[in-house]
């Protein structure tokens, strides 16, 4: 009987030790995408582009920290023909952040990415240092082949208004993709703790002109965070007034 009790105690100790060693999500990465006071985020950009994100859920489940936003389009196209909504989920793991998007917009043919062409993108990865590069495989919507995605942290800026905060600039590239200048898709983003994504830029695909020739677009598409509400229905606070020294140095 004593042997049985000892074996049970040993088993419980082993299970307890395994549970205590459970991998935890990165607090540093989580704090980039989560701010207690910034509930609704406003973005605008070129050609009257705009969208609004309102945080709908925050979960901390052992090895993952999850932040979910409900989004709606806020641009010149309007919504007279139906809903133009989407969700964005940031899943923070031990060393990376995965962005998952689900789109319900009659104006957008993609359903798994909003403006990027890359679904389930690893938008940030530790260490948060200049030169850190990560590579992974994705299948783009409408394709069956796997493509290589490479992202690099190419610049880190200090925010003079808040010396303990930094802006992490990333560049994401897919080589050998038809329809983009030099067969190269390029995407750039900036992230800052408590603000999440500050800006987004990417290559615009070429189009066929009236003579049937492929014409490359000489500029990129882009948009940026310009304000937020602390709670729902509150005053919209301007990022340019909140971080004047940062924007002055740019």
C-alpha atoms as a PDB file:
ATOM      1  CA  UNK A   1       0.000   0.000   0.000  1.00  0.00           C
ATOM      2  CA  UNK A   2       2.864   2.368   0.905  1.00  0.00           C
ATOM      3  CA  UNK A   3       4.500   1.677  -2.477  1.00  0.00           C
ATOM      4  CA  UNK A   4       1.275   2.616  -4.287  1.00  0.00           C
ATOM      5  CA  UNK A   5       0.985   5.887  -2.344  1.00  0.00           C
ATOM      6  CA  UNK A   6       4.634   6.743  -3.076  1.00  0.00           C
ATOM      7  CA  UNK A   7       4.139   6.071  -6.803  1.00  0.00           C
ATOM      8  CA  UNK A   8       1.057   8.313  -6.855  1.00  0.00           C
ATOM      9  CA  UNK A   9       2.951  11.133  -5.130  1.00  0.00           C
ATOM     10  CA  UNK A  10       5.842  10.819  -7.591  1.00  0.00           C
ATOM     11  CA  UNK A  11       3.399  10.959 -10.525  1.00  0.00           C
ATOM     12  CA  UNK A  12       1.744  14.090  -9.116  1.00  0.00           C
ATOM     13  CA  UNK A  13       5.127  15.756  -8.660  1.00  0.00           C
ATOM     14  CA  UNK A  14       6.109  14.985 -12.266  1.00  0.00           C
ATOM     15  CA  UNK A  15       2.840  16.388 -13.623  1.00  0.00           C
ATOM     16  CA  UNK A  16       3.201  19.472 -11.429  1.00  0.00           C
ATOM     17  CA  UNK A  17       6.725  20.105 -12.639  1.00  0.00           C
ATOM     18  CA  UNK A  18       5.676  19.745 -16.280  1.00  0.00           C
ATOM     19  CA  UNK A  19       2.843  22.218 -15.774  1.00  0.00           C
ATOM     20  CA  UNK A  20       5.167  24.702 -14.102  1.00  0.00           C
ATOM     21  CA  UNK A  21       7.521  24.608 -17.109  1.00  0.00           C
ATOM     22  CA  UNK A  22       4.772  25.529 -19.585  1.00  0.00           C
ATOM     23  CA  UNK A  23       6.010  27.981 -22.196  1.00  0.00           C
ATOM     24  CA  UNK A  24       4.631  31.486 -21.671  1.00  0.00           C
ATOM     25  CA  UNK A  25       3.951  34.131 -24.268  1.00  0.00           C
ATOM     26  CA  UNK A  26       6.324  37.109 -24.561  1.00  0.00           C
ATOM     27  CA  UNK A  27       5.230  40.022 -22.355  1.00  0.00           C
ATOM     28  CA  UNK A  28       7.417  42.381 -24.421  1.00  0.00           C
ATOM     29  CA  UNK A  29       5.601  41.455 -27.633  1.00  0.00           C
ATOM     30  CA  UNK A  30       2.191  41.484 -25.934  1.00  0.00           C
ATOM     31  CA  UNK A  31       2.729  45.048 -24.688  1.00  0.00           C
ATOM     32  CA  UNK A  32       3.370  46.245 -28.241  1.00  0.00           C
ATOM     33  CA  UNK A  33      -0.111  45.221 -29.373  1.00  0.00           C
ATOM     34  CA  UNK A  34      -2.093  45.892 -26.208  1.00  0.00           C
ATOM     35  CA  UNK A  35      -2.911  49.146 -24.464  1.00  0.00           C
ATOM     36  CA  UNK A  36      -5.509  49.267 -21.716  1.00  0.00           C
ATOM     37  CA  UNK A  37      -6.652  52.777 -22.596  1.00  0.00           C
ATOM     38  CA  UNK A  38      -6.507  52.645 -26.408  1.00  0.00           C
ATOM     39  CA  UNK A  39      -9.762  50.830 -27.191  1.00  0.00           C
ATOM     40  CA  UNK A  40     -10.612  52.142 -30.676  1.00  0.00           C
ATOM     41  CA  UNK A  41      -7.922  52.926 -33.261  1.00  0.00           C
ATOM     42  CA  UNK A  42      -8.338  55.133 -36.352  1.00  0.00           C
ATOM     43  CA  UNK A  43      -6.238  54.717 -39.502  1.00  0.00           C
ATOM     44  CA  UNK A  44      -6.240  56.721 -42.711  1.00  0.00           C
ATOM     45  CA  UNK A  45      -4.134  56.886 -45.845  1.00  0.00           C
ATOM     46  CA  UNK A  46      -3.913  57.514 -49.553  1.00  0.00           C
ATOM     47  CA  UNK A  47      -6.921  57.828 -51.862  1.00  0.00           C
ATOM     48  CA  UNK A  48      -9.370  58.421 -48.974  1.00  0.00           C
ATOM     49  CA  UNK A  49      -8.506  55.050 -47.488  1.00  0.00           C
ATOM     50  CA  UNK A  50      -9.445  54.520 -43.844  1.00  0.00           C
ATOM     51  CA  UNK A  51     -10.556  51.915 -41.313  1.00  0.00           C
ATOM     52  CA  UNK A  52     -11.476  51.742 -37.635  1.00  0.00           C
ATOM     53  CA  UNK A  53     -10.482  49.003 -35.167  1.00  0.00           C
ATOM     54  CA  UNK A  54     -12.277  48.444 -31.856  1.00  0.00           C
ATOM     55  CA  UNK A  55     -10.811  45.961 -29.397  1.00  0.00           C
ATOM     56  CA  UNK A  56     -13.334  43.197 -28.684  1.00  0.00           C
ATOM     57  CA  UNK A  57     -11.376  40.627 -26.685  1.00  0.00           C
ATOM     58  CA  UNK A  58      -8.166  40.063 -24.732  1.00  0.00           C
ATOM     59  CA  UNK A  59      -7.147  36.620 -23.530  1.00  0.00           C
ATOM     60  CA  UNK A  60      -4.089  35.302 -21.732  1.00  0.00           C
ATOM     61  CA  UNK A  61      -3.980  31.539 -22.018  1.00  0.00           C
ATOM     62  CA  UNK A  62      -0.673  30.088 -20.842  1.00  0.00           C
ATOM     63  CA  UNK A  63       1.497  29.955 -23.935  1.00  0.00           C
ATOM     64  CA  UNK A  64      -0.533  32.570 -25.843  1.00  0.00           C
ATOM     65  CA  UNK A  65      -1.686  36.133 -25.371  1.00  0.00           C
ATOM     66  CA  UNK A  66      -4.491  37.063 -27.774  1.00  0.00           C
ATOM     67  CA  UNK A  67      -5.794  40.521 -28.730  1.00  0.00           C
ATOM     68  CA  UNK A  68      -8.817  40.722 -31.061  1.00  0.00           C
ATOM     69  CA  UNK A  69     -10.132  43.792 -32.896  1.00  0.00           C
ATOM     70  CA  UNK A  70     -13.387  44.215 -34.803  1.00  0.00           C
ATOM     71  CA  UNK A  71     -12.814  46.408 -37.832  1.00  0.00           C
ATOM     72  CA  UNK A  72     -14.888  48.352 -40.306  1.00  0.00           C
ATOM     73  CA  UNK A  73     -13.949  50.234 -43.429  1.00  0.00           C
ATOM     74  CA  UNK A  74     -14.098  54.013 -43.325  1.00  0.00           C
ATOM     75  CA  UNK A  75     -13.247  55.179 -46.818  1.00  0.00           C
ATOM     76  CA  UNK A  76     -14.717  56.836 -49.867  1.00  0.00           C
ATOM     77  CA  UNK A  77     -16.171  53.602 -51.263  1.00  0.00           C
ATOM     78  CA  UNK A  78     -19.040  53.549 -48.751  1.00  0.00           C
ATOM     79  CA  UNK A  79     -21.101  50.540 -47.661  1.00  0.00           C
ATOM     80  CA  UNK A  80     -24.307  50.964 -49.627  1.00  0.00           C
ATOM     81  CA  UNK A  81     -23.999  47.474 -51.140  1.00  0.00           C
ATOM     82  CA  UNK A  82     -23.422  45.577 -47.911  1.00  0.00           C
ATOM     83  CA  UNK A  83     -21.237  45.199 -44.840  1.00  0.00           C
ATOM     84  CA  UNK A  84     -17.567  46.078 -45.026  1.00  0.00           C
ATOM     85  CA  UNK A  85     -16.182  44.555 -41.874  1.00  0.00           C
ATOM     86  CA  UNK A  86     -13.248  42.436 -40.742  1.00  0.00           C
ATOM     87  CA  UNK A  87     -11.512  41.079 -37.642  1.00  0.00           C
ATOM     88  CA  UNK A  88      -7.821  41.243 -36.771  1.00  0.00           C
ATOM     89  CA  UNK A  89      -6.318  38.884 -34.205  1.00  0.00           C
ATOM     90  CA  UNK A  90      -2.802  39.163 -32.840  1.00  0.00           C
ATOM     91  CA  UNK A  91      -1.642  35.893 -31.297  1.00  0.00           C
ATOM     92  CA  UNK A  92       1.433  36.454 -29.155  1.00  0.00           C
ATOM     93  CA  UNK A  93       3.565  33.365 -28.554  1.00  0.00           C
ATOM     94  CA  UNK A  94       6.909  32.745 -26.855  1.00  0.00           C
ATOM     95  CA  UNK A  95       8.947  34.528 -29.511  1.00  0.00           C
ATOM     96  CA  UNK A  96       6.601  35.808 -32.232  1.00  0.00           C
ATOM     97  CA  UNK A  97       3.312  37.511 -33.121  1.00  0.00           C
ATOM     98  CA  UNK A  98       0.960  36.055 -35.733  1.00  0.00           C
ATOM     99  CA  UNK A  99      -1.592  38.339 -37.393  1.00  0.00           C
ATOM    100  CA  UNK A 100      -4.797  36.587 -38.470  1.00  0.00           C
ATOM    101  CA  UNK A 101      -7.360  38.521 -40.528  1.00  0.00           C
ATOM    102  CA  UNK A 102     -10.880  37.588 -41.590  1.00  0.00           C
ATOM    103  CA  UNK A 103     -12.529  39.930 -44.102  1.00  0.00           C
ATOM    104  CA  UNK A 104     -16.217  40.393 -44.954  1.00  0.00           C
ATOM    105  CA  UNK A 105     -16.110  43.146 -47.566  1.00  0.00           C
ATOM    106  CA  UNK A 106     -17.820  43.048 -50.945  1.00  0.00           C
ATOM    107  CA  UNK A 107     -15.151  45.456 -52.194  1.00  0.00           C
ATOM    108  CA  UNK A 108     -12.268  43.117 -51.271  1.00  0.00           C
ATOM    109  CA  UNK A 109     -11.725  39.814 -53.074  1.00  0.00           C
ATOM    110  CA  UNK A 110      -9.457  38.549 -50.317  1.00  0.00           C
ATOM    111  CA  UNK A 111     -10.954  36.995 -47.173  1.00  0.00           C
ATOM    112  CA  UNK A 112      -7.791  36.225 -45.159  1.00  0.00           C
ATOM    113  CA  UNK A 113      -5.873  39.491 -45.494  1.00  0.00           C
ATOM    114  CA  UNK A 114      -6.901  43.137 -45.529  1.00  0.00           C
ATOM    115  CA  UNK A 115      -4.290  45.125 -47.449  1.00  0.00           C
ATOM    116  CA  UNK A 116      -1.379  42.735 -47.266  1.00  0.00           C
ATOM    117  CA  UNK A 117      -1.362  39.775 -49.649  1.00  0.00           C
ATOM    118  CA  UNK A 118       0.089  37.540 -46.909  1.00  0.00           C
ATOM    119  CA  UNK A 119      -2.330  35.558 -44.723  1.00  0.00           C
ATOM    120  CA  UNK A 120      -1.427  34.507 -41.162  1.00  0.00           C
ATOM    121  CA  UNK A 121       1.653  36.696 -41.227  1.00  0.00           C
ATOM    122  CA  UNK A 122       4.382  36.580 -38.572  1.00  0.00           C
ATOM    123  CA  UNK A 123       4.564  40.338 -38.124  1.00  0.00           C
ATOM    124  CA  UNK A 124       7.159  40.468 -35.314  1.00  0.00           C
ATOM    125  CA  UNK A 125       9.666  38.046 -33.846  1.00  0.00           C
ATOM    126  CA  UNK A 126      12.232  38.154 -31.074  1.00  0.00           C
ATOM    127  CA  UNK A 127      14.858  39.377 -30.619  1.00  0.00           C
ATOM    128  CA  UNK A 128      13.718  42.963 -31.238  1.00  0.00           C
ATOM    129  CA  UNK A 129      17.032  43.976 -32.770  1.00  0.00           C
ATOM    130  CA  UNK A 130      18.084  45.546 -36.055  1.00  0.00           C
ATOM    131  CA  UNK A 131      18.959  42.821 -38.532  1.00  0.00           C
ATOM    132  CA  UNK A 132      16.772  40.130 -37.004  1.00  0.00           C
ATOM    133  CA  UNK A 133      15.339  38.172 -39.943  1.00  0.00           C
ATOM    134  CA  UNK A 134      12.792  35.359 -40.069  1.00  0.00           C
ATOM    135  CA  UNK A 135      11.642  33.255 -43.003  1.00  0.00           C
ATOM    136  CA  UNK A 136       8.586  31.038 -43.387  1.00  0.00           C
ATOM    137  CA  UNK A 137       6.272  29.555 -46.020  1.00  0.00           C
ATOM    138  CA  UNK A 138       2.758  30.715 -46.958  1.00  0.00           C
ATOM    139  CA  UNK A 139       0.165  29.935 -49.607  1.00  0.00           C
ATOM    140  CA  UNK A 140      -1.377  33.141 -50.928  1.00  0.00           C
ATOM    141  CA  UNK A 141      -5.106  33.323 -51.546  1.00  0.00           C
ATOM    142  CA  UNK A 142      -5.984  32.059 -55.017  1.00  0.00           C
ATOM    143  CA  UNK A 143      -2.747  30.041 -55.267  1.00  0.00           C
ATOM    144  CA  UNK A 144      -1.766  26.463 -54.521  1.00  0.00           C
ATOM    145  CA  UNK A 145       2.016  26.825 -54.369  1.00  0.00           C
ATOM    146  CA  UNK A 146       3.974  27.701 -51.232  1.00  0.00           C
ATOM    147  CA  UNK A 147       5.962  30.941 -51.282  1.00  0.00           C
ATOM    148  CA  UNK A 148       8.857  32.078 -49.104  1.00  0.00           C
ATOM    149  CA  UNK A 149       8.236  35.143 -46.937  1.00  0.00           C
ATOM    150  CA  UNK A 150      11.228  36.983 -45.446  1.00  0.00           C
ATOM    151  CA  UNK A 151      10.842  39.721 -42.822  1.00  0.00           C
ATOM    152  CA  UNK A 152      13.613  41.848 -41.344  1.00  0.00           C
ATOM    153  CA  UNK A 153      13.696  44.477 -38.599  1.00  0.00           C
ATOM    154  CA  UNK A 154      15.593  47.106 -40.587  1.00  0.00           C
ATOM    155  CA  UNK A 155      15.391  50.087 -38.211  1.00  0.00           C
ATOM    156  CA  UNK A 156      14.648  50.892 -34.570  1.00  0.00           C
ATOM    157  CA  UNK A 157      13.849  54.459 -33.517  1.00  0.00           C
ATOM    158  CA  UNK A 158      13.625  56.016 -30.088  1.00  0.00           C
ATOM    159  CA  UNK A 159      10.475  57.966 -29.260  1.00  0.00           C
ATOM    160  CA  UNK A 160      11.812  61.140 -27.611  1.00  0.00           C
ATOM    161  CA  UNK A 161       8.459  61.826 -25.949  1.00  0.00           C
ATOM    162  CA  UNK A 162       8.796  58.468 -24.159  1.00  0.00           C
ATOM    163  CA  UNK A 163      12.469  57.393 -24.000  1.00  0.00           C
ATOM    164  CA  UNK A 164      11.548  53.889 -22.807  1.00  0.00           C
ATOM    165  CA  UNK A 165       9.539  53.221 -25.982  1.00  0.00           C
ATOM    166  CA  UNK A 166      10.853  52.407 -29.437  1.00  0.00           C
ATOM    167  CA  UNK A 167       9.452  52.087 -32.955  1.00  0.00           C
ATOM    168  CA  UNK A 168      10.324  48.822 -34.697  1.00  0.00           C
ATOM    169  CA  UNK A 169      10.342  49.061 -38.492  1.00  0.00           C
ATOM    170  CA  UNK A 170      10.011  45.860 -40.517  1.00  0.00           C
ATOM    171  CA  UNK A 171      10.318  45.008 -44.197  1.00  0.00           C
ATOM    172  CA  UNK A 172       8.665  41.900 -45.634  1.00  0.00           C
ATOM    173  CA  UNK A 173       9.552  40.554 -49.087  1.00  0.00           C
ATOM    174  CA  UNK A 174       8.312  37.845 -51.447  1.00  0.00           C
ATOM    175  CA  UNK A 175      10.582  37.315 -54.454  1.00  0.00           C
ATOM    176  CA  UNK A 176       9.593  36.013 -57.885  1.00  0.00           C
ATOM    177  CA  UNK A 177       5.950  37.079 -57.767  1.00  0.00           C
ATOM    178  CA  UNK A 178       4.371  38.147 -61.047  1.00  0.00           C
ATOM    179  CA  UNK A 179       2.494  41.422 -61.320  1.00  0.00           C
ATOM    180  CA  UNK A 180       4.762  43.485 -59.055  1.00  0.00           C
ATOM    181  CA  UNK A 181       7.722  45.737 -59.943  1.00  0.00           C
ATOM    182  CA  UNK A 182      10.788  43.551 -60.590  1.00  0.00           C
ATOM    183  CA  UNK A 183       8.626  40.541 -59.589  1.00  0.00           C
ATOM    184  CA  UNK A 184       9.111  41.567 -55.973  1.00  0.00           C
ATOM    185  CA  UNK A 185       6.380  42.217 -53.404  1.00  0.00           C
ATOM    186  CA  UNK A 186       7.526  44.524 -50.584  1.00  0.00           C
ATOM    187  CA  UNK A 187       5.690  45.456 -47.402  1.00  0.00           C
ATOM    188  CA  UNK A 188       6.795  47.799 -44.610  1.00  0.00           C
ATOM    189  CA  UNK A 189       5.292  48.319 -41.163  1.00  0.00           C
ATOM    190  CA  UNK A 190       6.117  50.182 -37.972  1.00  0.00           C
ATOM    191  CA  UNK A 191       5.209  49.024 -34.450  1.00  0.00           C
ATOM    192  CA  UNK A 192       5.464  50.749 -31.064  1.00  0.00           C
ATOM    193  CA  UNK A 193       4.603  49.543 -27.543  1.00  0.00           C
ATOM    194  CA  UNK A 194       1.070  50.495 -26.576  1.00  0.00           C
ATOM    195  CA  UNK A 195       0.264  51.692 -30.096  1.00  0.00           C
ATOM    196  CA  UNK A 196       0.468  48.457 -32.064  1.00  0.00           C
ATOM    197  CA  UNK A 197       0.924  49.082 -35.777  1.00  0.00           C
ATOM    198  CA  UNK A 198       1.786  52.721 -36.521  1.00  0.00           C
ATOM    199  CA  UNK A 199       1.851  52.474 -40.306  1.00  0.00           C
ATOM    200  CA  UNK A 200       1.562  50.074 -43.254  1.00  0.00           C
ATOM    201  CA  UNK A 201       2.978  50.343 -46.785  1.00  0.00           C
ATOM    202  CA  UNK A 202       3.097  47.821 -49.621  1.00  0.00           C
ATOM    203  CA  UNK A 203       3.702  47.383 -53.329  1.00  0.00           C
ATOM    204  CA  UNK A 204       0.803  47.936 -55.695  1.00  0.00           C
ATOM    205  CA  UNK A 205       0.317  45.296 -58.390  1.00  0.00           C
ATOM    206  CA  UNK A 206       0.534  46.310 -62.025  1.00  0.00           C
ATOM    207  CA  UNK A 207      -2.498  46.711 -64.281  1.00  0.00           C
ATOM    208  CA  UNK A 208      -3.269  46.139 -67.964  1.00  0.00           C
ATOM    209  CA  UNK A 209      -3.823  49.364 -69.944  1.00  0.00           C
ATOM    210  CA  UNK A 210      -6.150  49.913 -72.900  1.00  0.00           C
ATOM    211  CA  UNK A 211      -3.464  48.647 -75.289  1.00  0.00           C
ATOM    212  CA  UNK A 212      -3.120  45.375 -73.393  1.00  0.00           C
ATOM    213  CA  UNK A 213       0.255  46.276 -71.919  1.00  0.00           C
ATOM    214  CA  UNK A 214       1.230  45.668 -68.304  1.00  0.00           C
ATOM    215  CA  UNK A 215       1.862  48.936 -66.487  1.00  0.00           C
ATOM    216  CA  UNK A 216       3.787  49.007 -63.204  1.00  0.00           C
ATOM    217  CA  UNK A 217       2.640  51.358 -60.454  1.00  0.00           C
ATOM    218  CA  UNK A 218       5.426  53.848 -59.585  1.00  0.00           C
ATOM    219  CA  UNK A 219       4.360  54.288 -55.955  1.00  0.00           C
ATOM    220  CA  UNK A 220       3.259  52.262 -52.933  1.00  0.00           C
ATOM    221  CA  UNK A 221      -0.036  52.071 -51.057  1.00  0.00           C
ATOM    222  CA  UNK A 222      -0.015  53.164 -47.433  1.00  0.00           C
ATOM    223  CA  UNK A 223      -1.881  54.295 -44.334  1.00  0.00           C
ATOM    224  CA  UNK A 224      -1.102  55.165 -40.715  1.00  0.00           C
ATOM    225  CA  UNK A 225      -2.573  55.473 -37.237  1.00  0.00           C
ATOM    226  CA  UNK A 226      -3.814  59.001 -36.589  1.00  0.00           C
ATOM    227  CA  UNK A 227      -5.828  58.709 -33.390  1.00  0.00           C
ATOM    228  CA  UNK A 228      -7.691  56.622 -30.827  1.00  0.00           C
ATOM    229  CA  UNK A 229     -10.519  56.644 -28.324  1.00  0.00           C
ATOM    230  CA  UNK A 230     -10.002  55.754 -24.670  1.00  0.00           C
ATOM    231  CA  UNK A 231     -13.184  53.733 -24.386  1.00  0.00           C
ATOM    232  CA  UNK A 232     -16.099  53.621 -26.787  1.00  0.00           C
ATOM    233  CA  UNK A 233     -17.627  56.886 -27.931  1.00  0.00           C
ATOM    234  CA  UNK A 234     -14.975  59.055 -26.305  1.00  0.00           C
ATOM    235  CA  UNK A 235     -12.942  61.918 -27.699  1.00  0.00           C
ATOM    236  CA  UNK A 236     -10.559  60.993 -30.502  1.00  0.00           C
ATOM    237  CA  UNK A 237      -6.997  61.751 -29.401  1.00  0.00           C
ATOM    238  CA  UNK A 238      -4.504  62.704 -32.104  1.00  0.00           C
ATOM    239  CA  UNK A 239      -1.243  60.771 -32.292  1.00  0.00           C
ATOM    240  CA  UNK A 240       0.443  63.875 -33.735  1.00  0.00           C
ATOM    241  CA  UNK A 241      -0.393  65.815 -30.574  1.00  0.00           C
ATOM    242  CA  UNK A 242       0.492  62.868 -28.317  1.00  0.00           C
ATOM    243  CA  UNK A 243       3.940  62.300 -29.882  1.00  0.00           C
ATOM    244  CA  UNK A 244       4.954  65.734 -31.239  1.00  0.00           C
ATOM    245  CA  UNK A 245       8.692  65.231 -30.755  1.00  0.00           C
ATOM    246  CA  UNK A 246       8.664  61.909 -32.589  1.00  0.00           C
ATOM    247  CA  UNK A 247       6.924  63.347 -35.642  1.00  0.00           C
ATOM    248  CA  UNK A 248       9.131  66.450 -35.516  1.00  0.00           C
ATOM    249  CA  UNK A 249      12.259  64.293 -35.918  1.00  0.00           C
ATOM    250  CA  UNK A 250      10.919  62.406 -38.926  1.00  0.00           C
END
